[in-house]
Protein backbone atom coordinates (compact mmCIF):
# COMPACT_ATOMS: atom_id res chain seq x y z
CA UNK A 1 -89.96 168.35 -37.09
CA UNK A 2 -87.84 165.20 -36.94
CA UNK A 3 -89.07 161.81 -38.02
CA UNK A 4 -87.90 160.12 -34.81
CA UNK A 5 -90.12 160.01 -31.75
CA UNK A 6 -88.27 159.41 -28.47
CA UNK A 7 -89.81 157.36 -25.69
CA UNK A 8 -91.23 159.92 -23.22
CA UNK A 9 -91.15 157.46 -20.31
CA UNK A 10 -87.41 156.75 -20.57
CA UNK A 11 -85.30 158.72 -18.08
CA UNK A 12 -82.01 156.81 -17.84
CA UNK A 13 -78.63 158.37 -17.07
CA UNK A 14 -75.12 157.02 -16.50
CA UNK A 15 -74.41 156.09 -12.87
CA UNK A 16 -71.10 157.99 -12.92
CA UNK A 17 -72.98 161.30 -13.02
CA UNK A 18 -71.36 162.61 -16.21
CA UNK A 19 -74.70 163.42 -17.89
CA UNK A 20 -74.69 160.53 -20.36
CA UNK A 21 -78.18 159.35 -21.21
CA UNK A 22 -79.98 156.68 -23.21
CA UNK A 23 -82.52 157.48 -25.92
CA UNK A 24 -84.80 154.99 -27.67
CA UNK A 25 -86.71 156.47 -30.60
CA UNK A 26 -88.92 155.16 -33.41
CA UNK A 27 -88.83 156.50 -36.97
CA UNK A 28 -92.44 157.45 -37.59
CA UNK A 29 -92.09 157.07 -41.36
CA UNK A 30 -90.64 153.56 -41.64
CA UNK A 31 -90.65 152.04 -38.12
CA UNK A 32 -86.84 151.88 -37.73
CA UNK A 33 -85.73 151.98 -34.10
CA UNK A 34 -82.79 154.13 -32.98
CA UNK A 35 -81.01 153.31 -29.73
CA UNK A 36 -78.69 156.18 -28.82
CA UNK A 37 -76.21 156.68 -26.04
CA UNK A 38 -75.91 160.44 -25.90
CA UNK A 39 -72.70 162.34 -25.12
CA UNK A 40 -70.36 159.29 -25.00
CA UNK A 41 -69.65 155.84 -26.42
CA UNK A 42 -70.82 153.84 -23.42
CA UNK A 43 -73.12 154.10 -20.45
CA UNK A 44 -73.10 152.35 -17.08
CA UNK A 45 -76.58 151.47 -15.86
CA UNK A 46 -77.60 150.62 -12.34
CA UNK A 47 -80.25 148.29 -10.99
CA UNK A 48 -80.83 150.80 -8.20
CA UNK A 49 -84.11 152.28 -7.05
CA UNK A 50 -85.01 153.62 -10.51
CA UNK A 51 -83.90 150.36 -12.22
CA UNK A 52 -82.47 152.15 -15.24
CA UNK A 53 -81.44 148.93 -16.97
CA UNK A 54 -85.05 147.74 -16.80
CA UNK A 55 -86.33 151.09 -18.07
CA UNK A 56 -84.04 150.86 -21.11
CA UNK A 57 -85.31 147.35 -21.88
CA UNK A 58 -88.93 148.45 -21.48
CA UNK A 59 -88.39 151.45 -23.78
CA UNK A 60 -86.87 149.19 -26.44
CA UNK A 61 -89.87 146.85 -26.14
CA UNK A 62 -92.31 149.77 -26.54
CA UNK A 63 -90.36 150.97 -29.59
CA UNK A 64 -90.63 147.48 -31.09
CA UNK A 65 -94.40 147.50 -30.64
CA UNK A 66 -94.66 150.98 -32.18
CA UNK A 67 -92.41 149.91 -35.07
CA UNK A 68 -94.56 146.86 -35.81
CA UNK A 69 -97.65 149.08 -35.90
CA UNK A 70 -96.00 151.46 -38.36
CA UNK A 71 -94.78 148.73 -40.70
CA UNK A 72 -98.13 146.90 -40.61
CA UNK A 73 -99.92 150.15 -41.54
CA UNK A 74 -97.48 150.72 -44.41
CA UNK A 75 -97.93 147.22 -45.80
CA UNK A 76 -101.74 147.51 -45.74
CA UNK A 77 -101.72 150.61 -47.98
């Protein structure tokens, strides 16, 4: 099992249709946040009906909250 937990609510793909996707994941051991653009070096997001740019921002915000919870728990040990 990996130490990174991807955001299950994030479903964002490149608007060009080439299969590129965004992944936001939190390291469950130390709270580090990984933002990945899978299958390429860049991704073009659309503000269309699914608002993928907004979804990516929301996923990053959720990862930040999860990261803070992990690091607070570690410091209280």
